[in-house]
Amino acid sequence: MEQEKTKPVFDQEAALERVGGDMEFLKELIELFKSDYPAKLAQLSKGLREKDFKTISETGHSLKSASGNLSLTRVYDLSFKIEGMGRKGKIQGIEKAYNELEEELGKIKNLF
């Protein structure tokens, strides 16, 4: 996890490259993500409480995909980790990863 701490929360250069340099479009996509992720976080939290590994894996995958497309590097890495833990049915360490994910998602609220 220490490696992830050195990554930027948001790699704007990579994200802009993905949208052909269109800053307005990128801002719209970030706003959509910011409006969507609280529901995903709630879904993930519920999956953790119920030890529903299918929900954990699927929600982690969804967050991973969306954050990867937007170059939200730390959110991507944590979502990837949570998705894998859900797929393997591994509960140990998943709550810590969830708390770190929640913290990282909080950091994107101020983007743009």
PDB file of N, CA and C in Angstrom:
ATOM      1  N   MET A   1       0.808  -1.201   0.000  1.00  0.00           N
ATOM      2  CA  MET A   1       0.000   0.000   0.000  1.00  0.00           C
ATOM      3  C   MET A   1       0.847   1.260   0.000  1.00  0.00           C
ATOM      4  N   GLU A   2       2.058   1.174   0.518  1.00  0.00           N
ATOM      5  CA  GLU A   2       2.898   2.362   0.583  1.00  0.00           C
ATOM      6  C   GLU A   2       3.153   2.922  -0.812  1.00  0.00           C
ATOM      7  N   GLN A   3       3.290   2.040  -1.803  1.00  0.00           N
ATOM      8  CA  GLN A   3       3.513   2.470  -3.171  1.00  0.00           C
ATOM      9  C   GLN A   3       2.367   3.364  -3.639  1.00  0.00           C
ATOM     10  N   GLU A   4       1.146   3.033  -3.251  1.00  0.00           N
ATOM     11  CA  GLU A   4      -0.016   3.815  -3.665  1.00  0.00           C
ATOM     12  C   GLU A   4       0.011   5.214  -3.083  1.00  0.00           C
ATOM     13  N   LYS A   5       0.584   5.376  -1.895  1.00  0.00           N
ATOM     14  CA  LYS A   5       0.624   6.685  -1.255  1.00  0.00           C
ATOM     15  C   LYS A   5       1.466   7.667  -2.058  1.00  0.00           C
ATOM     16  N   THR A   6       2.410   7.157  -2.865  1.00  0.00           N
ATOM     17  CA  THR A   6       3.264   8.040  -3.640  1.00  0.00           C
ATOM     18  C   THR A   6       2.609   8.454  -4.961  1.00  0.00           C
ATOM     19  N   LYS A   7       1.572   7.776  -5.338  1.00  0.00           N
ATOM     20  CA  LYS A   7       0.861   8.130  -6.571  1.00  0.00           C
ATOM     21  C   LYS A   7      -0.017   9.349  -6.319  1.00  0.00           C
ATOM     22  N   PRO A   8      -0.247  10.136  -7.370  1.00  0.00           N
ATOM     23  CA  PRO A   8      -1.160  11.264  -7.196  1.00  0.00           C
ATOM     24  C   PRO A   8      -2.596  10.756  -7.048  1.00  0.00           C
ATOM     25  N   VAL A   9      -3.420  11.542  -6.390  1.00  0.00           N
ATOM     26  CA  VAL A   9      -4.838  11.197  -6.281  1.00  0.00           C
ATOM     27  C   VAL A   9      -5.446  11.162  -7.683  1.00  0.00           C
ATOM     28  N   PHE A  10      -5.021  12.120  -8.500  1.00  0.00           N
ATOM     29  CA  PHE A  10      -5.590  12.304  -9.835  1.00  0.00           C
ATOM     30  C   PHE A  10      -4.465  12.640 -10.802  1.00  0.00           C
ATOM     31  N   ASP A  11      -4.327  11.869 -11.867  1.00  0.00           N
ATOM     32  CA  ASP A  11      -3.328  12.140 -12.899  1.00  0.00           C
ATOM     33  C   ASP A  11      -4.033  12.889 -14.032  1.00  0.00           C
ATOM     34  N   GLN A  12      -4.078  14.208 -13.888  1.00  0.00           N
ATOM     35  CA  GLN A  12      -4.836  15.038 -14.822  1.00  0.00           C
ATOM     36  C   GLN A  12      -4.297  14.924 -16.247  1.00  0.00           C
ATOM     37  N   GLU A  13      -3.000  14.841 -16.393  1.00  0.00           N
ATOM     38  CA  GLU A  13      -2.407  14.745 -17.726  1.00  0.00           C
ATOM     39  C   GLU A  13      -2.888  13.480 -18.446  1.00  0.00           C
ATOM     40  N   ALA A  14      -2.861  12.350 -17.744  1.00  0.00           N
ATOM     41  CA  ALA A  14      -3.317  11.084 -18.338  1.00  0.00           C
ATOM     42  C   ALA A  14      -4.818  11.133 -18.633  1.00  0.00           C
ATOM     43  N   ALA A  15      -5.586  11.724 -17.715  1.00  0.00           N
ATOM     44  CA  ALA A  15      -7.035  11.818 -17.916  1.00  0.00           C
ATOM     45  C   ALA A  15      -7.354  12.695 -19.124  1.00  0.00           C
ATOM     46  N   LEU A  16      -6.660  13.804 -19.266  1.00  0.00           N
ATOM     47  CA  LEU A  16      -6.885  14.690 -20.413  1.00  0.00           C
ATOM     48  C   LEU A  16      -6.541  13.982 -21.722  1.00  0.00           C
ATOM     49  N   GLU A  17      -5.485  13.195 -21.695  1.00  0.00           N
ATOM     50  CA  GLU A  17      -5.095  12.438 -22.881  1.00  0.00           C
ATOM     51  C   GLU A  17      -6.219  11.482 -23.289  1.00  0.00           C
ATOM     52  N   ARG A  18      -6.866  10.861 -22.296  1.00  0.00           N
ATOM     53  CA  ARG A  18      -7.951   9.912 -22.574  1.00  0.00           C
ATOM     54  C   ARG A  18      -9.159  10.573 -23.237  1.00  0.00           C
ATOM     55  N   VAL A  19      -9.369  11.858 -22.949  1.00  0.00           N
ATOM     56  CA  VAL A  19     -10.533  12.554 -23.518  1.00  0.00           C
ATOM     57  C   VAL A  19     -10.123  13.523 -24.632  1.00  0.00           C
ATOM     58  N   GLY A  20      -8.977  13.279 -25.223  1.00  0.00           N
ATOM     59  CA  GLY A  20      -8.543  14.077 -26.357  1.00  0.00           C
ATOM     60  C   GLY A  20      -8.280  15.537 -26.014  1.00  0.00           C
ATOM     61  N   GLY A  21      -7.906  15.804 -24.769  1.00  0.00           N
ATOM     62  CA  GLY A  21      -7.569  17.162 -24.359  1.00  0.00           C
ATOM     63  C   GLY A  21      -8.770  18.049 -24.053  1.00  0.00           C
ATOM     64  N   ASP A  22      -9.956  17.469 -24.024  1.00  0.00           N
ATOM     65  CA  ASP A  22     -11.184  18.246 -23.796  1.00  0.00           C
ATOM     66  C   ASP A  22     -11.440  18.409 -22.289  1.00  0.00           C
ATOM     67  N   MET A  23     -10.987  19.538 -21.746  1.00  0.00           N
ATOM     68  CA  MET A  23     -11.086  19.783 -20.308  1.00  0.00           C
ATOM     69  C   MET A  23     -12.542  19.842 -19.841  1.00  0.00           C
ATOM     70  N   GLU A  24     -13.414  20.434 -20.603  1.00  0.00           N
ATOM     71  CA  GLU A  24     -14.828  20.522 -20.202  1.00  0.00           C
ATOM     72  C   GLU A  24     -15.464  19.142 -20.101  1.00  0.00           C
ATOM     73  N   PHE A  25     -15.159  18.289 -21.061  1.00  0.00           N
ATOM     74  CA  PHE A  25     -15.687  16.927 -21.041  1.00  0.00           C
ATOM     75  C   PHE A  25     -15.135  16.168 -19.827  1.00  0.00           C
ATOM     76  N   LEU A  26     -13.845  16.355 -19.563  1.00  0.00           N
ATOM     77  CA  LEU A  26     -13.238  15.708 -18.400  1.00  0.00           C
ATOM     78  C   LEU A  26     -13.921  16.171 -17.115  1.00  0.00           C
ATOM     79  N   LYS A  27     -14.194  17.445 -17.009  1.00  0.00           N
ATOM     80  CA  LYS A  27     -14.873  17.975 -15.819  1.00  0.00           C
ATOM     81  C   LYS A  27     -16.253  17.338 -15.666  1.00  0.00           C
ATOM     82  N   GLU A  28     -16.967  17.184 -16.776  1.00  0.00           N
ATOM     83  CA  GLU A  28     -18.291  16.538 -16.736  1.00  0.00           C
ATOM     84  C   GLU A  28     -18.175  15.098 -16.241  1.00  0.00           C
ATOM     85  N   LEU A  29     -17.183  14.380 -16.745  1.00  0.00           N
ATOM     86  CA  LEU A  29     -16.991  12.984 -16.341  1.00  0.00           C
ATOM     87  C   LEU A  29     -16.649  12.880 -14.857  1.00  0.00           C
ATOM     88  N   ILE A  30     -15.811  13.775 -14.377  1.00  0.00           N
ATOM     89  CA  ILE A  30     -15.450  13.789 -12.949  1.00  0.00           C
ATOM     90  C   ILE A  30     -16.696  14.074 -12.112  1.00  0.00           C
ATOM     91  N   GLU A  31     -17.507  15.032 -12.550  1.00  0.00           N
ATOM     92  CA  GLU A  31     -18.741  15.358 -11.811  1.00  0.00           C
ATOM     93  C   GLU A  31     -19.686  14.159 -11.764  1.00  0.00           C
ATOM     94  N   LEU A  32     -19.803  13.445 -12.872  1.00  0.00           N
ATOM     95  CA  LEU A  32     -20.635  12.227 -12.896  1.00  0.00           C
ATOM     96  C   LEU A  32     -20.102  11.200 -11.906  1.00  0.00           C
ATOM     97  N   PHE A  33     -18.799  11.017 -11.894  1.00  0.00           N
ATOM     98  CA  PHE A  33     -18.192  10.064 -10.963  1.00  0.00           C
ATOM     99  C   PHE A  33     -18.466  10.492  -9.527  1.00  0.00           C
ATOM    100  N   LYS A  34     -18.295  11.784  -9.255  1.00  0.00           N
ATOM    101  CA  LYS A  34     -18.513  12.277  -7.889  1.00  0.00           C
ATOM    102  C   LYS A  34     -19.962  12.110  -7.452  1.00  0.00           C
ATOM    103  N   SER A  35     -20.903  12.189  -8.376  1.00  0.00           N
ATOM    104  CA  SER A  35     -22.303  12.010  -8.000  1.00  0.00           C
ATOM    105  C   SER A  35     -22.671  10.527  -7.874  1.00  0.00           C
ATOM    106  N   ASP A  36     -21.903   9.662  -8.515  1.00  0.00           N
ATOM    107  CA  ASP A  36     -22.194   8.233  -8.541  1.00  0.00           C
ATOM    108  C   ASP A  36     -21.520   7.444  -7.422  1.00  0.00           C
ATOM    109  N   TYR A  37     -20.312   7.859  -7.022  1.00  0.00           N
ATOM    110  CA  TYR A  37     -19.563   7.002  -6.107  1.00  0.00           C
ATOM    111  C   TYR A  37     -20.174   6.849  -4.711  1.00  0.00           C
ATOM    112  N   PRO A  38     -20.918   7.835  -4.151  1.00  0.00           N
ATOM    113  CA  PRO A  38     -21.484   7.595  -2.814  1.00  0.00           C
ATOM    114  C   PRO A  38     -22.403   6.363  -2.766  1.00  0.00           C
ATOM    115  N   ALA A  39     -23.176   6.151  -3.817  1.00  0.00           N
ATOM    116  CA  ALA A  39     -24.057   4.977  -3.861  1.00  0.00           C
ATOM    117  C   ALA A  39     -23.223   3.699  -3.944  1.00  0.00           C
ATOM    118  N   LYS A  40     -22.143   3.745  -4.698  1.00  0.00           N
ATOM    119  CA  LYS A  40     -21.267   2.570  -4.812  1.00  0.00           C
ATOM    120  C   LYS A  40     -20.589   2.284  -3.476  1.00  0.00           C
ATOM    121  N   LEU A  41     -20.185   3.335  -2.783  1.00  0.00           N
ATOM    122  CA  LEU A  41     -19.557   3.169  -1.476  1.00  0.00           C
ATOM    123  C   LEU A  41     -20.551   2.559  -0.484  1.00  0.00           C
ATOM    124  N   ALA A  42     -21.795   3.007  -0.528  1.00  0.00           N
ATOM    125  CA  ALA A  42     -22.839   2.451   0.342  1.00  0.00           C
ATOM    126  C   ALA A  42     -23.073   0.976   0.020  1.00  0.00           C
ATOM    127  N   GLN A  43     -23.071   0.658  -1.269  1.00  0.00           N
ATOM    128  CA  GLN A  43     -23.259  -0.728  -1.714  1.00  0.00           C
ATOM    129  C   GLN A  43     -22.105  -1.596  -1.206  1.00  0.00           C
ATOM    130  N   LEU A  44     -20.894  -1.070  -1.297  1.00  0.00           N
ATOM    131  CA  LEU A  44     -19.713  -1.780  -0.836  1.00  0.00           C
ATOM    132  C   LEU A  44     -19.765  -1.989   0.675  1.00  0.00           C
ATOM    133  N   SER A  45     -20.164  -0.964   1.408  1.00  0.00           N
ATOM    134  CA  SER A  45     -20.281  -1.046   2.858  1.00  0.00           C
ATOM    135  C   SER A  45     -21.292  -2.125   3.256  1.00  0.00           C
ATOM    136  N   LYS A  46     -22.415  -2.148   2.558  1.00  0.00           N
ATOM    137  CA  LYS A  46     -23.441  -3.155   2.829  1.00  0.00           C
ATOM    138  C   LYS A  46     -22.894  -4.560   2.535  1.00  0.00           C
ATOM    139  N   GLY A  47     -22.173  -4.694   1.441  1.00  0.00           N
ATOM    140  CA  GLY A  47     -21.557  -5.978   1.099  1.00  0.00           C
ATOM    141  C   GLY A  47     -20.582  -6.438   2.170  1.00  0.00           C
ATOM    142  N   LEU A  48     -19.832  -5.491   2.724  1.00  0.00           N
ATOM    143  CA  LEU A  48     -18.885  -5.832   3.793  1.00  0.00           C
ATOM    144  C   LEU A  48     -19.618  -6.296   5.045  1.00  0.00           C
ATOM    145  N   ARG A  49     -20.648  -5.560   5.433  1.00  0.00           N
ATOM    146  CA  ARG A  49     -21.421  -5.929   6.626  1.00  0.00           C
ATOM    147  C   ARG A  49     -22.022  -7.322   6.495  1.00  0.00           C
ATOM    148  N   GLU A  50     -22.507  -7.627   5.300  1.00  0.00           N
ATOM    149  CA  GLU A  50     -23.187  -8.903   5.068  1.00  0.00           C
ATOM    150  C   GLU A  50     -22.248 -10.012   4.587  1.00  0.00           C
ATOM    151  N   LYS A  51     -20.965  -9.673   4.454  1.00  0.00           N
ATOM    152  CA  LYS A  51     -19.976 -10.616   3.912  1.00  0.00           C
ATOM    153  C   LYS A  51     -20.459 -11.192   2.576  1.00  0.00           C
ATOM    154  N   ASP A  52     -20.996 -10.289   1.752  1.00  0.00           N
ATOM    155  CA  ASP A  52     -21.499 -10.634   0.417  1.00  0.00           C
ATOM    156  C   ASP A  52     -20.365 -10.384  -0.577  1.00  0.00           C
ATOM    157  N   PHE A  53     -19.568 -11.414  -0.798  1.00  0.00           N
ATOM    158  CA  PHE A  53     -18.371 -11.255  -1.607  1.00  0.00           C
ATOM    159  C   PHE A  53     -18.671 -10.963  -3.075  1.00  0.00           C
ATOM    160  N   LYS A  54     -19.800 -11.416  -3.571  1.00  0.00           N
ATOM    161  CA  LYS A  54     -20.186 -11.120  -4.956  1.00  0.00           C
ATOM    162  C   LYS A  54     -20.407  -9.614  -5.107  1.00  0.00           C
ATOM    163  N   THR A  55     -21.132  -9.012  -4.177  1.00  0.00           N
ATOM    164  CA  THR A  55     -21.372  -7.559  -4.214  1.00  0.00           C
ATOM    165  C   THR A  55     -20.062  -6.804  -4.048  1.00  0.00           C
ATOM    166  N   ILE A  56     -19.212  -7.266  -3.134  1.00  0.00           N
ATOM    167  CA  ILE A  56     -17.919  -6.607  -2.907  1.00  0.00           C
ATOM    168  C   ILE A  56     -17.106  -6.629  -4.196  1.00  0.00           C
ATOM    169  N   SER A  57     -17.020  -7.783  -4.817  1.00  0.00           N
ATOM    170  CA  SER A  57     -16.245  -7.929  -6.049  1.00  0.00           C
ATOM    171  C   SER A  57     -16.824  -7.078  -7.186  1.00  0.00           C
ATOM    172  N   GLU A  58     -18.130  -7.145  -7.378  1.00  0.00           N
ATOM    173  CA  GLU A  58     -18.770  -6.405  -8.474  1.00  0.00           C
ATOM    174  C   GLU A  58     -18.685  -4.892  -8.269  1.00  0.00           C
ATOM    175  N   THR A  59     -18.887  -4.437  -7.042  1.00  0.00           N
ATOM    176  CA  THR A  59     -18.833  -3.001  -6.773  1.00  0.00           C
ATOM    177  C   THR A  59     -17.393  -2.507  -6.867  1.00  0.00           C
ATOM    178  N   GLY A  60     -16.459  -3.304  -6.364  1.00  0.00           N
ATOM    179  CA  GLY A  60     -15.044  -2.958  -6.502  1.00  0.00           C
ATOM    180  C   GLY A  60     -14.655  -2.854  -7.968  1.00  0.00           C
ATOM    181  N   HIS A  61     -15.154  -3.784  -8.774  1.00  0.00           N
ATOM    182  CA  HIS A  61     -14.874  -3.766 -10.216  1.00  0.00           C
ATOM    183  C   HIS A  61     -15.439  -2.501 -10.863  1.00  0.00           C
ATOM    184  N   SER A  62     -16.646  -2.153 -10.516  1.00  0.00           N
ATOM    185  CA  SER A  62     -17.290  -0.967 -11.079  1.00  0.00           C
ATOM    186  C   SER A  62     -16.507   0.313 -10.732  1.00  0.00           C
ATOM    187  N   LEU A  63     -16.118   0.431  -9.463  1.00  0.00           N
ATOM    188  CA  LEU A  63     -15.324   1.590  -9.040  1.00  0.00           C
ATOM    189  C   LEU A  63     -13.952   1.590  -9.709  1.00  0.00           C
ATOM    190  N   LYS A  64     -13.380   0.411  -9.856  1.00  0.00           N
ATOM    191  CA  LYS A  64     -12.067   0.288 -10.505  1.00  0.00           C
ATOM    192  C   LYS A  64     -12.142   0.782 -11.938  1.00  0.00           C
ATOM    193  N   SER A  65     -13.148   0.334 -12.660  1.00  0.00           N
ATOM    194  CA  SER A  65     -13.282   0.717 -14.066  1.00  0.00           C
ATOM    195  C   SER A  65     -13.472   2.220 -14.224  1.00  0.00           C
ATOM    196  N   ALA A  66     -14.402   2.771 -13.472  1.00  0.00           N
ATOM    197  CA  ALA A  66     -14.691   4.207 -13.588  1.00  0.00           C
ATOM    198  C   ALA A  66     -13.493   5.047 -13.166  1.00  0.00           C
ATOM    199  N   SER A  67     -12.847   4.677 -12.065  1.00  0.00           N
ATOM    200  CA  SER A  67     -11.715   5.471 -11.589  1.00  0.00           C
ATOM    201  C   SER A  67     -10.510   5.320 -12.514  1.00  0.00           C
ATOM    202  N   GLY A  68     -10.349   4.153 -13.108  1.00  0.00           N
ATOM    203  CA  GLY A  68      -9.250   3.946 -14.057  1.00  0.00           C
ATOM    204  C   GLY A  68      -9.413   4.808 -15.292  1.00  0.00           C
ATOM    205  N   ASN A  69     -10.636   4.890 -15.791  1.00  0.00           N
ATOM    206  CA  ASN A  69     -10.906   5.718 -16.963  1.00  0.00           C
ATOM    207  C   ASN A  69     -10.640   7.197 -16.699  1.00  0.00           C
ATOM    208  N   LEU A  70     -10.752   7.604 -15.439  1.00  0.00           N
ATOM    209  CA  LEU A  70     -10.548   9.007 -15.073  1.00  0.00           C
ATOM    210  C   LEU A  70      -9.166   9.262 -14.480  1.00  0.00           C
ATOM    211  N   SER A  71      -8.317   8.245 -14.464  1.00  0.00           N
ATOM    212  CA  SER A  71      -6.960   8.356 -13.913  1.00  0.00           C
ATOM    213  C   SER A  71      -6.955   8.778 -12.447  1.00  0.00           C
ATOM    214  N   LEU A  72      -7.929   8.263 -11.701  1.00  0.00           N
ATOM    215  CA  LEU A  72      -7.964   8.464 -10.247  1.00  0.00           C
ATOM    216  C   LEU A  72      -7.145   7.305  -9.667  1.00  0.00           C
ATOM    217  N   THR A  73      -5.848   7.486  -9.659  1.00  0.00           N
ATOM    218  CA  THR A  73      -4.908   6.383  -9.476  1.00  0.00           C
ATOM    219  C   THR A  73      -5.056   5.627  -8.159  1.00  0.00           C
ATOM    220  N   ARG A  74      -5.165   6.321  -7.063  1.00  0.00           N
ATOM    221  CA  ARG A  74      -5.249   5.618  -5.773  1.00  0.00           C
ATOM    222  C   ARG A  74      -6.600   4.933  -5.600  1.00  0.00           C
ATOM    223  N   VAL A  75      -7.658   5.581  -6.060  1.00  0.00           N
ATOM    224  CA  VAL A  75      -8.986   4.958  -5.997  1.00  0.00           C
ATOM    225  C   VAL A  75      -8.972   3.683  -6.846  1.00  0.00           C
ATOM    226  N   TYR A  76      -8.339   3.760  -8.008  1.00  0.00           N
ATOM    227  CA  TYR A  76      -8.227   2.586  -8.881  1.00  0.00           C
ATOM    228  C   TYR A  76      -7.509   1.444  -8.161  1.00  0.00           C
ATOM    229  N   ASP A  77      -6.343   1.740  -7.580  1.00  0.00           N
ATOM    230  CA  ASP A  77      -5.561   0.690  -6.923  1.00  0.00           C
ATOM    231  C   ASP A  77      -6.323   0.041  -5.776  1.00  0.00           C
ATOM    232  N   LEU A  78      -6.981   0.844  -4.965  1.00  0.00           N
ATOM    233  CA  LEU A  78      -7.736   0.302  -3.830  1.00  0.00           C
ATOM    234  C   LEU A  78      -8.960  -0.482  -4.298  1.00  0.00           C
ATOM    235  N   SER A  79      -9.632   0.003  -5.333  1.00  0.00           N
ATOM    236  CA  SER A  79     -10.783  -0.712  -5.885  1.00  0.00           C
ATOM    237  C   SER A  79     -10.360  -2.055  -6.464  1.00  0.00           C
ATOM    238  N   PHE A  80      -9.214  -2.048  -7.126  1.00  0.00           N
ATOM    239  CA  PHE A  80      -8.655  -3.280  -7.682  1.00  0.00           C
ATOM    240  C   PHE A  80      -8.394  -4.292  -6.564  1.00  0.00           C
ATOM    241  N   LYS A  81      -7.815  -3.822  -5.485  1.00  0.00           N
ATOM    242  CA  LYS A  81      -7.508  -4.684  -4.342  1.00  0.00           C
ATOM    243  C   LYS A  81      -8.796  -5.246  -3.727  1.00  0.00           C
ATOM    244  N   ILE A  82      -9.776  -4.384  -3.542  1.00  0.00           N
ATOM    245  CA  ILE A  82     -11.054  -4.810  -2.946  1.00  0.00           C
ATOM    246  C   ILE A  82     -11.776  -5.792  -3.860  1.00  0.00           C
ATOM    247  N   GLU A  83     -11.760  -5.524  -5.153  1.00  0.00           N
ATOM    248  CA  GLU A  83     -12.378  -6.442  -6.106  1.00  0.00           C
ATOM    249  C   GLU A  83     -11.759  -7.832  -5.980  1.00  0.00           C
ATOM    250  N   GLY A  84     -10.436  -7.891  -5.922  1.00  0.00           N
ATOM    251  CA  GLY A  84      -9.735  -9.173  -5.810  1.00  0.00           C
ATOM    252  C   GLY A  84     -10.048  -9.884  -4.504  1.00  0.00           C
ATOM    253  N   MET A  85     -10.094  -9.128  -3.422  1.00  0.00           N
ATOM    254  CA  MET A  85     -10.412  -9.721  -2.120  1.00  0.00           C
ATOM    255  C   MET A  85     -11.833 -10.284  -2.131  1.00  0.00           C
ATOM    256  N   GLY A  86     -12.754  -9.563  -2.758  1.00  0.00           N
ATOM    257  CA  GLY A  86     -14.129 -10.037  -2.861  1.00  0.00           C
ATOM    258  C   GLY A  86     -14.217 -11.301  -3.680  1.00  0.00           C
ATOM    259  N   ARG A  87     -13.478 -11.327  -4.784  1.00  0.00           N
ATOM    260  CA  ARG A  87     -13.500 -12.496  -5.655  1.00  0.00           C
ATOM    261  C   ARG A  87     -12.956 -13.725  -4.935  1.00  0.00           C
ATOM    262  N   LYS A  88     -11.947 -13.511  -4.079  1.00  0.00           N
ATOM    263  CA  LYS A  88     -11.332 -14.624  -3.349  1.00  0.00           C
ATOM    264  C   LYS A  88     -12.056 -14.943  -2.043  1.00  0.00           C
ATOM    265  N   GLY A  89     -13.052 -14.124  -1.679  1.00  0.00           N
ATOM    266  CA  GLY A  89     -13.753 -14.346  -0.422  1.00  0.00           C
ATOM    267  C   GLY A  89     -12.866 -14.069   0.780  1.00  0.00           C
ATOM    268  N   LYS A  90     -11.941 -13.139   0.608  1.00  0.00           N
ATOM    269  CA  LYS A  90     -10.969 -12.820   1.662  1.00  0.00           C
ATOM    270  C   LYS A  90     -11.462 -11.626   2.474  1.00  0.00           C
ATOM    271  N   ILE A  91     -11.764 -11.846   3.728  1.00  0.00           N
ATOM    272  CA  ILE A  91     -12.285 -10.779   4.580  1.00  0.00           C
ATOM    273  C   ILE A  91     -11.160 -10.045   5.317  1.00  0.00           C
ATOM    274  N   GLN A  92     -10.074 -10.744   5.610  1.00  0.00           N
ATOM    275  CA  GLN A  92      -8.978 -10.134   6.366  1.00  0.00           C
ATOM    276  C   GLN A  92      -8.351  -8.986   5.571  1.00  0.00           C
ATOM    277  N   GLY A  93      -8.341  -7.808   6.167  1.00  0.00           N
ATOM    278  CA  GLY A  93      -7.731  -6.637   5.551  1.00  0.00           C
ATOM    279  C   GLY A  93      -8.673  -5.834   4.664  1.00  0.00           C
ATOM    280  N   ILE A  94      -9.842  -6.377   4.394  1.00  0.00           N
ATOM    281  CA  ILE A  94     -10.742  -5.702   3.466  1.00  0.00           C
ATOM    282  C   ILE A  94     -11.332  -4.425   4.080  1.00  0.00           C
ATOM    283  N   GLU A  95     -11.567  -4.433   5.368  1.00  0.00           N
ATOM    284  CA  GLU A  95     -12.117  -3.240   6.006  1.00  0.00           C
ATOM    285  C   GLU A  95     -11.110  -2.086   5.975  1.00  0.00           C
ATOM    286  N   LYS A  96      -9.841  -2.399   6.166  1.00  0.00           N
ATOM    287  CA  LYS A  96      -8.786  -1.387   6.089  1.00  0.00           C
ATOM    288  C   LYS A  96      -8.735  -0.803   4.677  1.00  0.00           C
ATOM    289  N   ALA A  97      -8.803  -1.667   3.683  1.00  0.00           N
ATOM    290  CA  ALA A  97      -8.789  -1.216   2.290  1.00  0.00           C
ATOM    291  C   ALA A  97     -10.015  -0.347   2.004  1.00  0.00           C
ATOM    292  N   TYR A  98     -11.162  -0.743   2.549  1.00  0.00           N
ATOM    293  CA  TYR A  98     -12.395   0.046   2.369  1.00  0.00           C
ATOM    294  C   TYR A  98     -12.226   1.433   2.997  1.00  0.00           C
ATOM    295  N   ASN A  99     -11.673   1.499   4.203  1.00  0.00           N
ATOM    296  CA  ASN A  99     -11.478   2.793   4.867  1.00  0.00           C
ATOM    297  C   ASN A  99     -10.524   3.686   4.084  1.00  0.00           C
ATOM    298  N   GLU A 100      -9.481   3.092   3.527  1.00  0.00           N
ATOM    299  CA  GLU A 100      -8.545   3.859   2.700  1.00  0.00           C
ATOM    300  C   GLU A 100      -9.231   4.344   1.427  1.00  0.00           C
ATOM    301  N   LEU A 101     -10.071   3.490   0.847  1.00  0.00           N
ATOM    302  CA  LEU A 101     -10.820   3.874  -0.352  1.00  0.00           C
ATOM    303  C   LEU A 101     -11.741   5.049  -0.047  1.00  0.00           C
ATOM    304  N   GLU A 102     -12.432   4.963   1.059  1.00  0.00           N
ATOM    305  CA  GLU A 102     -13.335   6.037   1.466  1.00  0.00           C
ATOM    306  C   GLU A 102     -12.565   7.352   1.624  1.00  0.00           C
ATOM    307  N   GLU A 103     -11.391   7.269   2.220  1.00  0.00           N
ATOM    308  CA  GLU A 103     -10.552   8.454   2.411  1.00  0.00           C
ATOM    309  C   GLU A 103     -10.112   9.045   1.065  1.00  0.00           C
ATOM    310  N   GLU A 104      -9.690   8.179   0.163  1.00  0.00           N
ATOM    311  CA  GLU A 104      -9.246   8.643  -1.158  1.00  0.00           C
ATOM    312  C   GLU A 104     -10.398   9.256  -1.949  1.00  0.00           C
ATOM    313  N   LEU A 105     -11.570   8.644  -1.857  1.00  0.00           N
ATOM    314  CA  LEU A 105     -12.733   9.201  -2.556  1.00  0.00           C
ATOM    315  C   LEU A 105     -13.073  10.580  -2.008  1.00  0.00           C
ATOM    316  N   GLY A 106     -12.890  10.784  -0.716  1.00  0.00           N
ATOM    317  CA  GLY A 106     -13.129  12.093  -0.117  1.00  0.00           C
ATOM    318  C   GLY A 106     -12.223  13.154  -0.698  1.00  0.00           C
ATOM    319  N   LYS A 107     -11.041  12.778  -1.120  1.00  0.00           N
ATOM    320  CA  LYS A 107     -10.081  13.733  -1.684  1.00  0.00           C
ATOM    321  C   LYS A 107     -10.485  14.236  -3.066  1.00  0.00           C
ATOM    322  N   ILE A 108     -11.319  13.485  -3.775  1.00  0.00           N
ATOM    323  CA  ILE A 108     -11.688  13.937  -5.116  1.00  0.00           C
ATOM    324  C   ILE A 108     -12.848  14.925  -5.108  1.00  0.00           C
ATOM    325  N   LYS A 109     -13.458  15.119  -3.960  1.00  0.00           N
ATOM    326  CA  LYS A 109     -14.580  16.058  -3.881  1.00  0.00           C
ATOM    327  C   LYS A 109     -14.187  17.452  -4.321  1.00  0.00           C
ATOM    328  N   ASN A 110     -12.927  17.800  -4.149  1.00  0.00           N
ATOM    329  CA  ASN A 110     -12.481  19.145  -4.470  1.00  0.00           C
ATOM    330  C   ASN A 110     -11.866  19.273  -5.856  1.00  0.00           C
ATOM    331  N   LEU A 111     -11.902  18.215  -6.645  1.00  0.00           N
ATOM    332  CA  LEU A 111     -11.380  18.317  -8.016  1.00  0.00           C
ATOM    333  C   LEU A 111     -12.298  19.223  -8.818  1.00  0.00           C
ATOM    334  N   PHE A 112     -11.720  20.178  -9.432  1.00  0.00           N
ATOM    335  CA  PHE A 112     -12.423  21.147 -10.267  1.00  0.00           C
ATOM    336  C   PHE A 112     -13.412  21.862  -9.438  1.00  0.00           C
TER     337      PHE A 112
END
